[in-house]
Amino acid sequence: MKKFVYVLTDRNRTSLHVGMSADLMKTLSFYKNMPNLFFDSAQQLSRLVYFEEFKTEAQALQRFKVISRFTRLQKERLVRSCNPDWIDLSIGLDFENLLLKPKVSFQVAIPIAN
């Protein structure tokens, strides 16, 4: 089973939160639906700016512990190494699910009058 280590931030990049999850999309959805659960309203963690995927929980836990001990500067360097513009990566993650859903057709047959 896949495990993920991720870094979330708010829109102003004032907070950097490191986390670990088995279902990244579900975790992101939780943060977006409960924005004030852990932080005040000015620090709504809504942007996924970095993540790593691991095959085992032990690997993910080890990496989580390492990144959690990083200073702010080290975390920023980690994010900038693969996401220099701090783009929200969650936008591209759900693309796979969109492809798997059945297409809904909104086409209507118009009768032709003779």
C-alpha atoms as a PDB file:
ATOM      1  CA  MET A   1       0.000   0.000   0.000  1.00  0.00           C
ATOM      2  CA  LYS A   2       1.252   3.479  -0.874  1.00  0.00           C
ATOM      3  CA  LYS A   3       2.148   6.001   1.793  1.00  0.00           C
ATOM      4  CA  PHE A   4       2.751   9.695   1.263  1.00  0.00           C
ATOM      5  CA  VAL A   5       4.783  12.340   3.048  1.00  0.00           C
ATOM      6  CA  TYR A   6       3.617  15.835   2.165  1.00  0.00           C
ATOM      7  CA  VAL A   7       4.085  19.536   2.880  1.00  0.00           C
ATOM      8  CA  LEU A   8       1.089  21.877   3.007  1.00  0.00           C
ATOM      9  CA  THR A   9       1.093  25.639   3.223  1.00  0.00           C
ATOM     10  CA  ASP A  10      -1.345  28.529   3.329  1.00  0.00           C
ATOM     11  CA  ARG A  11      -1.791  31.091   0.589  1.00  0.00           C
ATOM     12  CA  ASN A  12       0.814  33.433   2.111  1.00  0.00           C
ATOM     13  CA  ARG A  13       3.326  30.657   2.777  1.00  0.00           C
ATOM     14  CA  THR A  14       3.549  31.598   6.444  1.00  0.00           C
ATOM     15  CA  SER A  15       3.017  28.052   7.727  1.00  0.00           C
ATOM     16  CA  LEU A  16       4.604  24.845   6.490  1.00  0.00           C
ATOM     17  CA  HIS A  17       2.970  21.655   7.744  1.00  0.00           C
ATOM     18  CA  VAL A  18       4.567  18.235   7.241  1.00  0.00           C
ATOM     19  CA  GLY A  19       2.295  15.205   7.325  1.00  0.00           C
ATOM     20  CA  MET A  20       2.021  11.543   6.411  1.00  0.00           C
ATOM     21  CA  SER A  21      -0.993   9.808   4.877  1.00  0.00           C
ATOM     22  CA  ALA A  22      -2.105   6.642   3.122  1.00  0.00           C
ATOM     23  CA  ASP A  23      -4.755   8.486   1.096  1.00  0.00           C
ATOM     24  CA  LEU A  24      -3.432  11.864   0.020  1.00  0.00           C
ATOM     25  CA  MET A  25      -6.614  13.020  -1.735  1.00  0.00           C
ATOM     26  CA  LYS A  26      -8.745  12.221   1.315  1.00  0.00           C
ATOM     27  CA  THR A  27      -6.318  14.060   3.588  1.00  0.00           C
ATOM     28  CA  LEU A  28      -6.298  17.137   1.350  1.00  0.00           C
ATOM     29  CA  SER A  29     -10.070  17.082   1.220  1.00  0.00           C
ATOM     30  CA  PHE A  30     -10.161  16.969   5.025  1.00  0.00           C
ATOM     31  CA  TYR A  31      -7.896  20.021   5.336  1.00  0.00           C
ATOM     32  CA  LYS A  32      -9.979  21.971   2.816  1.00  0.00           C
ATOM     33  CA  ASN A  33     -13.302  21.058   4.459  1.00  0.00           C
ATOM     34  CA  MET A  34     -12.072  21.784   7.993  1.00  0.00           C
ATOM     35  CA  PRO A  35      -9.855  24.842   7.496  1.00  0.00           C
ATOM     36  CA  ASN A  36      -9.972  26.132  11.076  1.00  0.00           C
ATOM     37  CA  LEU A  37      -9.625  22.821  12.884  1.00  0.00           C
ATOM     38  CA  PHE A  38      -5.917  23.064  13.676  1.00  0.00           C
ATOM     39  CA  PHE A  39      -5.026  26.622  12.728  1.00  0.00           C
ATOM     40  CA  ASP A  40      -6.636  30.040  12.881  1.00  0.00           C
ATOM     41  CA  SER A  41      -8.505  31.425   9.904  1.00  0.00           C
ATOM     42  CA  ALA A  42      -5.478  33.347   8.616  1.00  0.00           C
ATOM     43  CA  GLN A  43      -3.523  30.114   8.230  1.00  0.00           C
ATOM     44  CA  GLN A  44      -5.807  27.815   6.261  1.00  0.00           C
ATOM     45  CA  LEU A  45      -3.634  25.016   4.934  1.00  0.00           C
ATOM     46  CA  SER A  46      -4.957  24.647   1.429  1.00  0.00           C
ATOM     47  CA  ARG A  47      -1.944  24.186  -0.856  1.00  0.00           C
ATOM     48  CA  LEU A  48      -0.061  20.968  -1.392  1.00  0.00           C
ATOM     49  CA  VAL A  49       3.409  22.144  -2.392  1.00  0.00           C
ATOM     50  CA  TYR A  50       5.455  18.953  -1.958  1.00  0.00           C
ATOM     51  CA  PHE A  51       4.893  15.222  -1.594  1.00  0.00           C
ATOM     52  CA  GLU A  52       6.791  11.950  -1.812  1.00  0.00           C
ATOM     53  CA  GLU A  53       5.348   8.483  -2.380  1.00  0.00           C
ATOM     54  CA  PHE A  54       6.634   5.367  -0.579  1.00  0.00           C
ATOM     55  CA  LYS A  55       5.870   1.671  -0.860  1.00  0.00           C
ATOM     56  CA  THR A  56       6.010   0.880   2.849  1.00  0.00           C
ATOM     57  CA  GLU A  57       4.884   2.654   5.976  1.00  0.00           C
ATOM     58  CA  ALA A  58       8.331   2.239   7.545  1.00  0.00           C
ATOM     59  CA  GLN A  59       9.991   4.158   4.694  1.00  0.00           C
ATOM     60  CA  ALA A  60       7.393   6.914   4.859  1.00  0.00           C
ATOM     61  CA  LEU A  61       7.658   7.194   8.640  1.00  0.00           C
ATOM     62  CA  GLN A  62      11.438   7.454   8.454  1.00  0.00           C
ATOM     63  CA  ARG A  63      11.250  10.234   5.841  1.00  0.00           C
ATOM     64  CA  PHE A  64       8.464  11.995   7.784  1.00  0.00           C
ATOM     65  CA  LYS A  65      10.668  12.104  10.881  1.00  0.00           C
ATOM     66  CA  VAL A  66      13.566  13.539   8.892  1.00  0.00           C
ATOM     67  CA  ILE A  67      11.520  16.272   7.175  1.00  0.00           C
ATOM     68  CA  SER A  68       9.694  17.131  10.405  1.00  0.00           C
ATOM     69  CA  ARG A  69      13.021  18.009  12.013  1.00  0.00           C
ATOM     70  CA  PHE A  70      13.975  20.329   9.150  1.00  0.00           C
ATOM     71  CA  THR A  71      14.231  24.029   9.827  1.00  0.00           C
ATOM     72  CA  ARG A  72      11.961  26.371   7.910  1.00  0.00           C
ATOM     73  CA  LEU A  73      14.803  27.189   5.512  1.00  0.00           C
ATOM     74  CA  GLN A  74      15.444  23.495   4.803  1.00  0.00           C
ATOM     75  CA  LYS A  75      11.739  22.890   4.137  1.00  0.00           C
ATOM     76  CA  GLU A  76      11.629  25.848   1.760  1.00  0.00           C
ATOM     77  CA  ARG A  77      14.671  24.511  -0.102  1.00  0.00           C
ATOM     78  CA  LEU A  78      13.034  21.084  -0.332  1.00  0.00           C
ATOM     79  CA  VAL A  79       9.860  22.567  -1.825  1.00  0.00           C
ATOM     80  CA  ARG A  80      11.760  24.830  -4.223  1.00  0.00           C
ATOM     81  CA  SER A  81      13.895  21.928  -5.449  1.00  0.00           C
ATOM     82  CA  CYS A  82      10.914  20.442  -7.297  1.00  0.00           C
ATOM     83  CA  ASN A  83       8.246  23.157  -7.105  1.00  0.00           C
ATOM     84  CA  PRO A  84      10.038  26.515  -7.515  1.00  0.00           C
ATOM     85  CA  ASP A  85       6.807  28.474  -8.068  1.00  0.00           C
ATOM     86  CA  TRP A  86       5.008  26.903  -5.095  1.00  0.00           C
ATOM     87  CA  ILE A  87       2.132  25.752  -7.310  1.00  0.00           C
ATOM     88  CA  ASP A  88      -0.701  23.812  -5.662  1.00  0.00           C
ATOM     89  CA  LEU A  89       0.036  20.217  -6.702  1.00  0.00           C
ATOM     90  CA  SER A  90      -3.356  18.886  -5.607  1.00  0.00           C
ATOM     91  CA  ILE A  91      -4.877  20.190  -8.838  1.00  0.00           C
ATOM     92  CA  GLY A  92      -3.018  17.585 -10.886  1.00  0.00           C
ATOM     93  CA  LEU A  93      -3.556  14.724  -8.450  1.00  0.00           C
ATOM     94  CA  ASP A  94      -7.284  14.452  -9.032  1.00  0.00           C
ATOM     95  CA  PHE A  95      -6.818  14.339 -12.809  1.00  0.00           C
ATOM     96  CA  GLU A  96      -6.467  10.543 -12.632  1.00  0.00           C
ATOM     97  CA  ASN A  97      -9.879  10.212 -10.965  1.00  0.00           C
ATOM     98  CA  LEU A  98     -11.499  12.396 -13.591  1.00  0.00           C
ATOM     99  CA  LEU A  99     -10.318  10.013 -16.305  1.00  0.00           C
ATOM    100  CA  LEU A 100     -11.763   6.981 -14.521  1.00  0.00           C
ATOM    101  CA  LYS A 101     -15.278   8.404 -14.066  1.00  0.00           C
ATOM    102  CA  PRO A 102     -17.788   7.527 -16.776  1.00  0.00           C
ATOM    103  CA  LYS A 103     -18.476  10.335 -19.179  1.00  0.00           C
ATOM    104  CA  VAL A 104     -21.858  11.971 -18.929  1.00  0.00           C
ATOM    105  CA  SER A 105     -23.401  12.854 -22.227  1.00  0.00           C
ATOM    106  CA  PHE A 106     -25.538  15.958 -22.411  1.00  0.00           C
ATOM    107  CA  GLN A 107     -26.391  15.518 -26.040  1.00  0.00           C
ATOM    108  CA  VAL A 108     -30.056  15.617 -26.878  1.00  0.00           C
ATOM    109  CA  ALA A 109     -31.495  14.053 -30.005  1.00  0.00           C
ATOM    110  CA  ILE A 110     -33.405  16.640 -31.974  1.00  0.00           C
ATOM    111  CA  PRO A 111     -36.126  15.191 -34.196  1.00  0.00           C
ATOM    112  CA  ILE A 112     -35.903  16.264 -37.814  1.00  0.00           C
ATOM    113  CA  ALA A 113     -39.223  17.372 -39.263  1.00  0.00           C
ATOM    114  CA  ASN A 114     -39.952  16.320 -42.848  1.00  0.00           C
END
